[in-house]
């Protein structure tokens, strides 16, 4: 049967590109209230594709943008997989930086450029088209497939957790599969088996009632800007290790097998540095660049504000200064414990003469899935069949809060099968998705369902 399914996909390559263009023309910017109707329209587009090919699907309303849920029905002796994705997209940013309008999908050199092409419409479409191919070529799927395609991922999925908790019986599955991660490089497919967690804080320091003349008042009070620098400087040592007491206590070290696998990756460190445009690679002493990116916890300043920020000079002591700090944490670190330790440490570091307020913007746990499960083996076989090359197993430095959520509520591990390029410009101007990756990703998604049905 899989041969018939793949033949159907191959015969409809051009049609798939046209359908992706239709999907991408919908400006489903979830954070923009003026795009609420367009965001819903994108969800309805997903619903129609599924129902048109014979899959039972429905819109599930939330307090915000709706989710699309579908279920192909039970298959005797075969596992159930939940395909997760999102149809909402990021804002376009400065449209003058786009070579073509962000919602007028344009093909250049084998890539389709549009907002949401890689994150996540193009990648979601591969799974939708694979399900359609199974239905059209064979009349049914090889295993039970459920779809949960949401419209709020780009705004932090505020309504997803209560929905999953409420519908956990309907969402029950052995595995969750998603494609919202990249390949390792242009020619190497990848399975991402781990992501970092996140603790995001904001420190606000207040001193005098207003900005003061630094000549008239300097040296007679605590400058909130100086205090901020003192605090931040104390949070890391000369070896770029975080100094928060207990920060590393629960860090789970890489296994020998994982470390060996990372060393074998064809990682171009020079190319990585050039792509960043940074002067040098710096990080925690004793670890490689990839280990720092994927497997070691970090602390970074994400923004600073206060005082005079305009052009030229204005010699003031700022009345208020703010610092935004994120900590990316790794498996086994408890975000609540890290959150508490951060606050205790910062309060001790705060000098007298300023008032401190600490805000918590978000925190969630890291996630890591076993790489030797039947589902992972099925995914690896599918990628080899779809792309003609065995995948590598990688981690990701970013955070996907849905992964620990799925594990906690459904008891299911997530399989992240990436189809886009690492430099696809997701969230930036000129976002793109390769047409070959669209096709090979659809073939992979179809092979995955076939392999999963036989996985033991």
Protein backbone atom coordinates (compact mmCIF):
# COMPACT_ATOMS: atom_id res chain seq x y z
CA UNK A 1 0.00 0.00 0.00
CA UNK A 2 2.79 2.45 0.80
CA UNK A 3 3.95 2.32 -2.83
CA UNK A 4 0.51 3.49 -3.99
CA UNK A 5 0.54 6.27 -1.40
CA UNK A 6 3.98 7.51 -2.45
CA UNK A 7 2.95 7.33 -6.12
CA UNK A 8 -0.07 9.52 -5.34
CA UNK A 9 2.16 12.05 -3.56
CA UNK A 10 4.62 12.13 -6.47
CA UNK A 11 1.85 12.65 -9.01
CA UNK A 12 0.50 15.63 -7.06
CA UNK A 13 3.75 17.53 -6.41
CA UNK A 14 2.75 20.63 -8.35
CA UNK A 15 -0.71 20.67 -6.80
CA UNK A 16 0.90 20.52 -3.34
CA UNK A 17 2.86 23.70 -4.07
CA UNK A 18 -0.30 25.49 -5.23
CA UNK A 19 -2.11 24.44 -2.06
CA UNK A 20 0.73 25.66 0.11
CA UNK A 21 0.56 29.01 -1.66
CA UNK A 22 -3.17 29.20 -0.88
CA UNK A 23 -2.49 28.42 2.77
CA UNK A 24 0.30 31.00 2.97
CA UNK A 25 -1.82 33.77 1.49
CA UNK A 26 -3.95 33.77 4.63
CA UNK A 27 -2.41 36.36 7.04
CA UNK A 28 -3.11 34.36 10.20
CA UNK A 29 -1.17 36.56 12.64
CA UNK A 30 -2.55 35.37 15.97
CA UNK A 31 -1.21 38.29 18.00
CA UNK A 32 -2.99 40.91 15.85
CA UNK A 33 -6.66 41.50 16.84
CA UNK A 34 -7.34 42.84 13.36
CA UNK A 35 -6.33 39.46 11.93
CA UNK A 36 -8.69 37.42 14.08
CA UNK A 37 -10.91 36.61 11.10
CA UNK A 38 -7.93 35.66 8.96
CA UNK A 39 -6.55 33.45 11.70
CA UNK A 40 -9.85 31.60 11.90
CA UNK A 41 -9.89 31.34 8.12
CA UNK A 42 -6.56 29.48 8.24
CA UNK A 43 -8.02 27.02 10.74
CA UNK A 44 -11.02 26.50 8.50
CA UNK A 45 -8.65 25.88 5.58
CA UNK A 46 -7.07 23.01 7.55
CA UNK A 47 -10.51 21.69 8.48
CA UNK A 48 -11.63 21.64 4.84
CA UNK A 49 -8.55 19.78 3.64
CA UNK A 50 -9.13 17.05 6.20
CA UNK A 51 -12.87 16.71 5.68
CA UNK A 52 -12.54 16.79 1.88
CA UNK A 53 -10.38 13.68 1.97
CA UNK A 54 -12.75 11.82 4.25
CA UNK A 55 -11.22 12.41 7.68
CA UNK A 56 -13.61 13.26 10.50
CA UNK A 57 -12.58 16.71 11.71
CA UNK A 58 -14.05 19.55 13.74
CA UNK A 59 -13.38 23.02 15.08
CA UNK A 60 -12.91 23.20 18.83
CA UNK A 61 -13.44 26.68 20.19
CA UNK A 62 -11.19 28.21 22.85
CA UNK A 63 -11.21 31.58 24.60
CA UNK A 64 -8.93 32.72 21.77
CA UNK A 65 -8.30 31.21 18.37
CA UNK A 66 -9.82 27.77 17.65
CA UNK A 67 -8.12 24.39 17.37
CA UNK A 68 -8.75 21.85 14.64
CA UNK A 69 -9.17 18.28 15.89
CA UNK A 70 -9.44 15.21 13.66
CA UNK A 71 -9.47 11.47 14.21
CA UNK A 72 -9.14 8.83 11.48
CA UNK A 73 -10.53 6.10 13.75
CA UNK A 74 -9.07 2.97 15.36
CA UNK A 75 -6.96 0.44 13.46
CA UNK A 76 -6.69 -3.03 15.01
CA UNK A 77 -3.22 -3.85 16.31
CA UNK A 78 -1.73 -0.49 15.35
CA UNK A 79 -0.65 2.37 17.62
CA UNK A 80 -2.20 5.84 17.69
CA UNK A 81 -0.22 8.96 16.85
CA UNK A 82 -1.29 12.55 17.50
CA UNK A 83 -0.01 14.99 14.88
CA UNK A 84 0.43 18.44 16.43
CA UNK A 85 1.06 21.69 14.59
CA UNK A 86 -0.10 25.28 14.29
CA UNK A 87 -1.65 27.40 11.58
CA UNK A 88 -0.92 30.81 13.09
CA UNK A 89 2.14 32.83 12.12
CA UNK A 90 4.40 35.57 13.43
CA UNK A 91 3.93 39.25 12.54
CA UNK A 92 5.80 40.30 9.41
CA UNK A 93 8.05 42.88 11.02
CA UNK A 94 9.52 45.58 8.79
CA UNK A 95 8.09 44.68 5.39
CA UNK A 96 10.71 46.80 3.62
CA UNK A 97 13.19 44.04 4.49
CA UNK A 98 11.21 41.46 2.52
CA UNK A 99 12.24 40.87 -1.11
CA UNK A 100 8.63 39.91 -1.89
CA UNK A 101 5.44 40.62 0.09
CA UNK A 102 5.18 38.28 3.09
CA UNK A 103 1.69 37.07 2.22
CA UNK A 104 2.26 36.75 -1.52
CA UNK A 105 4.16 33.44 -1.63
CA UNK A 106 6.95 33.65 -4.18
CA UNK A 107 9.20 30.87 -5.48
CA UNK A 108 12.88 31.73 -5.99
CA UNK A 109 15.62 29.16 -6.58
CA UNK A 110 13.51 26.26 -5.38
CA UNK A 111 12.39 27.98 -2.17
CA UNK A 112 8.97 29.39 -1.39
CA UNK A 113 9.17 32.70 0.46
CA UNK A 114 6.32 33.81 2.72
CA UNK A 115 5.54 34.36 6.38
CA UNK A 116 4.75 30.98 7.94
CA UNK A 117 6.24 28.94 5.11
CA UNK A 118 8.58 27.04 7.42
CA UNK A 119 6.99 27.93 10.77
CA UNK A 120 4.69 26.09 10.57
CA UNK A 121 2.35 25.98 7.58
CA UNK A 122 4.68 24.21 5.17
CA UNK A 123 5.63 21.59 7.71
CA UNK A 124 2.05 21.04 8.91
CA UNK A 125 0.93 20.64 5.32
CA UNK A 126 3.28 17.68 4.81
CA UNK A 127 1.33 15.67 7.40
CA UNK A 128 -2.04 16.79 6.06
CA UNK A 129 -1.10 15.81 2.51
CA UNK A 130 0.28 12.48 3.69
CA UNK A 131 -3.02 11.67 5.39
CA UNK A 132 -4.86 12.72 2.24
CA UNK A 133 -2.65 10.46 0.11
CA UNK A 134 -3.39 7.49 2.35
CA UNK A 135 -7.12 8.17 2.11
CA UNK A 136 -7.14 8.77 -1.65
CA UNK A 137 -4.80 5.93 -2.59
CA UNK A 138 -5.92 3.32 -0.08
CA UNK A 139 -9.18 4.45 1.45
CA UNK A 140 -7.81 4.34 5.00
CA UNK A 141 -4.69 4.95 7.06
CA UNK A 142 -2.31 2.26 8.29
CA UNK A 143 -2.67 3.36 11.92
CA UNK A 144 -4.92 5.63 13.91
CA UNK A 145 -4.02 9.27 13.39
CA UNK A 146 -5.34 12.19 15.39
CA UNK A 147 -4.65 15.81 14.50
CA UNK A 148 -4.46 18.78 16.84
CA UNK A 149 -3.66 21.92 14.86
CA UNK A 150 -3.87 25.08 16.96
CA UNK A 151 -3.96 28.79 16.22
CA UNK A 152 -2.08 30.27 19.18
CA UNK A 153 1.41 28.75 19.20
CA UNK A 154 3.03 32.05 18.25
CA UNK A 155 1.50 33.73 21.30
CA UNK A 156 2.48 31.01 23.77
CA UNK A 157 -0.54 28.68 23.38
CA UNK A 158 -2.43 30.29 26.29
CA UNK A 159 -5.53 28.12 25.81
CA UNK A 160 -3.90 24.82 24.88
CA UNK A 161 -3.26 23.40 28.34
CA UNK A 162 -6.89 23.59 29.55
CA UNK A 163 -8.04 22.16 26.21
CA UNK A 164 -5.65 19.20 26.43
CA UNK A 165 -6.64 18.57 30.04
CA UNK A 166 -10.32 18.67 29.10
CA UNK A 167 -9.93 16.45 26.02
CA UNK A 168 -7.21 14.11 27.24
CA UNK A 169 -9.35 11.01 26.62
CA UNK A 170 -10.08 12.04 23.05
CA UNK A 171 -6.43 12.92 22.49
CA UNK A 172 -5.10 9.65 23.93
CA UNK A 173 -2.18 8.30 21.91
CA UNK A 174 1.09 6.42 22.14
CA UNK A 175 3.13 9.13 20.41
CA UNK A 176 2.91 12.79 19.50
CA UNK A 177 4.55 13.73 16.19
CA UNK A 178 5.29 17.28 15.13
CA UNK A 179 7.30 19.09 12.50
CA UNK A 180 8.22 22.50 13.89
CA UNK A 181 11.98 21.93 14.03
CA UNK A 182 14.71 22.02 11.34
CA UNK A 183 16.90 19.54 9.54
CA UNK A 184 20.51 19.44 10.73
CA UNK A 185 21.77 21.01 7.52
CA UNK A 186 20.77 21.32 3.87
CA UNK A 187 21.26 17.63 3.09
CA UNK A 188 20.91 15.95 6.47
CA UNK A 189 17.46 15.22 7.96
CA UNK A 190 17.14 15.24 11.73
CA UNK A 191 15.04 14.04 14.62
CA UNK A 192 15.08 16.42 17.56
CA UNK A 193 14.78 14.44 20.78
CA UNK A 194 15.34 17.17 23.35
CA UNK A 195 14.60 20.84 23.99
CA UNK A 196 15.63 23.23 26.72
CA UNK A 197 13.26 24.66 29.27
CA UNK A 198 12.91 28.34 30.05
CA UNK A 199 12.77 30.61 33.07
CA UNK A 200 12.23 34.23 31.97
CA UNK A 201 12.54 37.01 34.54
CA UNK A 202 12.52 40.79 34.70
CA UNK A 203 14.32 42.83 37.35
CA UNK A 204 13.12 46.41 37.94
CA UNK A 205 15.29 48.71 40.05
CA UNK A 206 13.93 52.06 41.23
CA UNK A 207 15.97 54.83 42.86
CA UNK A 208 15.13 58.54 42.91
CA UNK A 209 11.67 59.82 42.06
CA UNK A 210 12.93 61.14 38.68
CA UNK A 211 16.05 61.22 36.50
CA UNK A 212 18.67 63.37 38.18
CA UNK A 213 21.67 65.43 37.01
CA UNK A 214 24.69 63.13 37.37
CA UNK A 215 26.99 66.04 38.21
CA UNK A 216 24.78 67.52 40.92
CA UNK A 217 23.74 64.23 42.50
CA UNK A 218 26.30 61.64 41.41
CA UNK A 219 28.16 59.88 44.20
CA UNK A 220 25.47 60.64 46.78
CA UNK A 221 22.97 57.85 46.02
CA UNK A 222 22.76 54.42 44.47
CA UNK A 223 22.46 54.66 40.70
CA UNK A 224 19.91 52.01 39.53
CA UNK A 225 21.96 51.52 36.35
CA UNK A 226 25.12 50.80 38.34
CA UNK A 227 23.15 48.47 40.59
CA UNK A 228 21.82 46.59 37.59
CA UNK A 229 25.32 46.10 36.20
CA UNK A 230 26.58 44.89 39.57
CA UNK A 231 23.83 42.28 39.79
CA UNK A 232 24.20 40.99 36.24
CA UNK A 233 27.99 40.83 36.42
CA UNK A 234 27.77 38.69 39.54
CA UNK A 235 25.49 36.08 37.96
CA UNK A 236 28.29 34.49 35.90
CA UNK A 237 31.93 33.81 36.66
CA UNK A 238 35.08 34.01 34.53
CA UNK A 239 34.43 30.51 33.14
CA UNK A 240 30.94 31.53 32.01
CA UNK A 241 29.30 29.37 34.66
CA UNK A 242 26.15 30.61 36.36
CA UNK A 243 26.83 31.48 39.99
CA UNK A 244 23.32 30.95 41.35
CA UNK A 245 23.69 28.45 44.23
CA UNK A 246 22.34 25.02 43.27
CA UNK A 247 21.93 25.97 39.60
CA UNK A 248 23.80 22.90 38.34
CA UNK A 249 22.78 20.45 41.07
CA UNK A 250 20.19 18.60 39.00
CA UNK A 251 21.74 18.93 35.54
CA UNK A 252 21.66 15.59 33.79
CA UNK A 253 24.95 15.02 32.02
CA UNK A 254 25.14 13.67 28.50
CA UNK A 255 25.64 9.95 28.25
CA UNK A 256 28.78 8.66 26.58
CA UNK A 257 26.64 7.60 23.63
CA UNK A 258 25.10 11.07 23.31
CA UNK A 259 28.47 12.76 23.50
CA UNK A 260 29.87 10.42 20.86
CA UNK A 261 26.88 11.11 18.62
CA UNK A 262 27.34 14.86 18.95
CA UNK A 263 31.04 14.63 18.08
CA UNK A 264 30.17 12.69 14.92
CA UNK A 265 27.81 15.38 13.62
CA UNK A 266 29.14 17.26 10.56
CA UNK A 267 29.07 20.55 12.45
CA UNK A 268 30.82 23.44 10.70
CA UNK A 269 31.95 25.60 13.61
CA UNK A 270 33.51 28.23 11.35
CA UNK A 271 30.36 28.46 9.25
CA UNK A 272 28.25 28.70 12.41
CA UNK A 273 30.35 31.65 13.61
CA UNK A 274 30.17 33.38 10.24
CA UNK A 275 26.38 32.90 10.08
CA UNK A 276 26.02 34.60 13.48
CA UNK A 277 28.32 37.45 12.50
CA UNK A 278 29.90 37.40 15.97
CA UNK A 279 33.63 38.03 16.64
CA UNK A 280 34.23 34.77 18.51
CA UNK A 281 32.65 31.68 20.07
CA UNK A 282 32.52 31.95 23.85
CA UNK A 283 30.75 29.79 26.42
CA UNK A 284 30.94 27.61 29.47
CA UNK A 285 34.48 26.31 29.91
CA UNK A 286 35.01 22.61 29.24
CA UNK A 287 32.23 22.07 26.70
CA UNK A 288 31.99 22.11 22.92
CA UNK A 289 29.87 24.61 21.02
CA UNK A 290 27.16 22.05 20.31
CA UNK A 291 27.10 20.88 23.94
CA UNK A 292 26.67 24.49 25.07
CA UNK A 293 23.85 25.04 22.55
CA UNK A 294 21.88 21.90 23.29
CA UNK A 295 22.88 20.30 26.57
CA UNK A 296 24.14 22.94 29.01
CA UNK A 297 21.99 25.47 30.91
CA UNK A 298 22.56 29.15 30.23
CA UNK A 299 21.75 32.61 31.58
CA UNK A 300 21.45 35.57 29.23
CA UNK A 301 20.41 39.21 29.36
CA UNK A 302 17.65 39.71 26.78
CA UNK A 303 17.10 43.43 27.20
CA UNK A 304 17.93 46.49 29.31
CA UNK A 305 16.10 49.79 29.59
CA UNK A 306 16.14 53.00 31.60
CA UNK A 307 17.74 56.39 31.79
CA UNK A 308 18.59 58.32 28.63
CA UNK A 309 18.30 56.15 25.51
CA UNK A 310 18.13 58.80 22.78
CA UNK A 311 20.67 60.10 20.28
CA UNK A 312 23.49 62.18 21.74
CA UNK A 313 24.23 62.74 25.40
CA UNK A 314 22.17 63.46 28.48
CA UNK A 315 24.05 63.01 31.71
CA UNK A 316 21.40 61.65 34.04
CA UNK A 317 21.13 59.19 36.87
CA UNK A 318 18.13 57.06 35.85
CA UNK A 319 15.18 56.87 38.17
CA UNK A 320 14.35 53.35 37.02
CA UNK A 321 16.21 50.59 35.18
CA UNK A 322 14.93 47.22 34.00
CA UNK A 323 16.73 44.07 32.93
CA UNK A 324 15.16 41.06 31.24
CA UNK A 325 16.94 37.77 31.85
CA UNK A 326 16.29 34.30 30.53
CA UNK A 327 17.66 31.00 31.74
CA UNK A 328 17.52 28.05 29.37
CA UNK A 329 17.47 24.91 31.47
CA UNK A 330 18.11 21.28 30.60
CA UNK A 331 16.48 17.94 31.48
CA UNK A 332 16.16 17.22 35.19
CA UNK A 333 16.36 20.88 36.23
CA UNK A 334 13.19 22.00 37.99
CA UNK A 335 11.99 25.39 36.67
CA UNK A 336 10.29 26.23 39.98
CA UNK A 337 13.50 25.51 41.88
CA UNK A 338 15.57 27.60 39.44
CA UNK A 339 13.02 30.41 39.58
CA UNK A 340 13.19 30.53 43.38
CA UNK A 341 17.00 30.32 43.46
CA UNK A 342 17.29 33.16 40.95
CA UNK A 343 15.09 35.45 43.02
CA UNK A 344 16.91 34.64 46.26
CA UNK A 345 20.29 35.28 44.65
CA UNK A 346 19.32 38.54 42.97
CA UNK A 347 17.82 39.90 46.19
CA UNK A 348 21.08 39.20 48.01
CA UNK A 349 23.08 40.89 45.24
CA UNK A 350 20.93 44.01 45.20
CA UNK A 351 22.82 46.92 46.81
CA UNK A 352 21.13 49.22 49.33
CA UNK A 353 19.59 52.43 48.09
CA UNK A 354 17.28 51.01 45.39
CA UNK A 355 13.94 49.25 45.46
CA UNK A 356 13.70 45.95 43.59
CA UNK A 357 10.77 44.28 41.86
CA UNK A 358 11.11 40.88 40.19
CA UNK A 359 8.63 39.73 37.57
CA UNK A 360 8.19 36.24 36.15
CA UNK A 361 7.17 36.18 32.49
CA UNK A 362 7.29 32.44 31.90
CA UNK A 363 8.88 29.21 32.91
CA UNK A 364 8.63 25.62 31.79
CA UNK A 365 10.62 22.42 31.97
CA UNK A 366 13.05 20.98 29.46
CA UNK A 367 12.10 17.87 27.53
CA UNK A 368 13.95 14.78 26.33
CA UNK A 369 12.51 11.70 24.64
CA UNK A 370 14.08 8.23 24.47
CA UNK A 371 15.78 7.69 21.11
CA UNK A 372 15.31 3.92 21.04
CA UNK A 373 11.51 3.66 21.17
CA UNK A 374 9.57 1.92 18.37
CA UNK A 375 8.18 5.31 17.38
CA UNK A 376 11.63 6.84 17.07
CA UNK A 377 12.84 3.91 14.99
CA UNK A 378 9.81 4.32 12.72
CA UNK A 379 10.56 8.03 12.32
CA UNK A 380 14.22 7.34 11.48
CA UNK A 381 13.22 4.76 8.86
CA UNK A 382 10.67 7.18 7.40
CA UNK A 383 13.19 10.01 7.07
CA UNK A 384 15.65 7.73 5.32
CA UNK A 385 12.93 6.66 2.90
CA UNK A 386 11.69 10.21 2.35
CA UNK A 387 15.00 12.04 2.05
CA UNK A 388 17.26 9.23 0.91
CA UNK A 389 19.58 9.68 3.87
CA UNK A 390 19.52 8.44 7.45
CA UNK A 391 18.71 11.20 9.97
CA UNK A 392 20.87 12.39 12.82
CA UNK A 393 19.53 12.78 16.36
CA UNK A 394 19.90 16.29 17.72
CA UNK A 395 18.78 18.51 20.55
CA UNK A 396 17.43 22.03 20.32
CA UNK A 397 18.37 25.08 22.37
CA UNK A 398 14.87 26.54 22.12
CA UNK A 399 11.83 25.75 24.24
CA UNK A 400 8.57 23.97 23.35
CA UNK A 401 6.29 24.07 26.42
CA UNK A 402 3.84 21.69 24.73
CA UNK A 403 6.26 18.76 24.97
CA UNK A 404 6.30 18.37 28.78
CA UNK A 405 2.58 19.19 28.66
CA UNK A 406 1.86 16.27 26.31
CA UNK A 407 4.00 13.98 28.44
CA UNK A 408 2.27 15.00 31.65
CA UNK A 409 -1.32 14.92 30.39
CA UNK A 410 -1.21 12.17 27.76
CA UNK A 411 1.77 10.11 28.91
CA UNK A 412 3.06 10.27 25.34
CA UNK A 413 6.58 11.03 24.14
CA UNK A 414 7.01 13.48 21.28
CA UNK A 415 8.82 12.80 18.03
CA UNK A 416 10.08 15.98 16.36
CA UNK A 417 10.69 15.40 12.66
CA UNK A 418 12.18 18.51 11.08
CA UNK A 419 11.82 19.35 7.39
CA UNK A 420 12.87 23.01 7.11
CA UNK A 421 16.35 24.49 6.83
CA UNK A 422 18.11 25.66 10.02
CA UNK A 423 18.50 29.12 8.44
CA UNK A 424 14.93 29.36 7.12
CA UNK A 425 14.48 32.86 8.64
CA UNK A 426 11.57 31.80 10.83
CA UNK A 427 10.26 34.90 12.69
CA UNK A 428 12.42 37.11 10.46
CA UNK A 429 12.13 38.68 7.02
CA UNK A 430 12.25 36.44 3.93
CA UNK A 431 11.18 33.26 5.70
CA UNK A 432 11.35 30.32 3.29
CA UNK A 433 10.63 26.61 2.89
CA UNK A 434 12.26 24.40 0.27
CA UNK A 435 9.99 22.85 -2.35
CA UNK A 436 12.10 19.68 -2.20
CA UNK A 437 11.61 19.67 1.56
CA UNK A 438 7.86 20.03 1.08
CA UNK A 439 7.83 17.00 -1.19
CA UNK A 440 10.32 14.88 0.75
CA UNK A 441 8.61 15.84 3.99
CA UNK A 442 5.26 14.65 2.66
CA UNK A 443 6.83 11.37 1.55
CA UNK A 444 8.42 11.03 4.99
CA UNK A 445 5.13 11.70 6.78
CA UNK A 446 3.46 8.99 4.68
CA UNK A 447 6.27 6.50 5.31
CA UNK A 448 6.11 7.30 9.02
CA UNK A 449 2.51 6.12 9.27
CA UNK A 450 3.40 2.91 7.44
CA UNK A 451 6.46 2.23 9.62
CA UNK A 452 4.63 3.13 12.81
CA UNK A 453 1.90 0.61 12.06
CA UNK A 454 4.53 -2.13 12.08
CA UNK A 455 6.64 -0.76 14.93
CA UNK A 456 7.05 -2.97 17.96
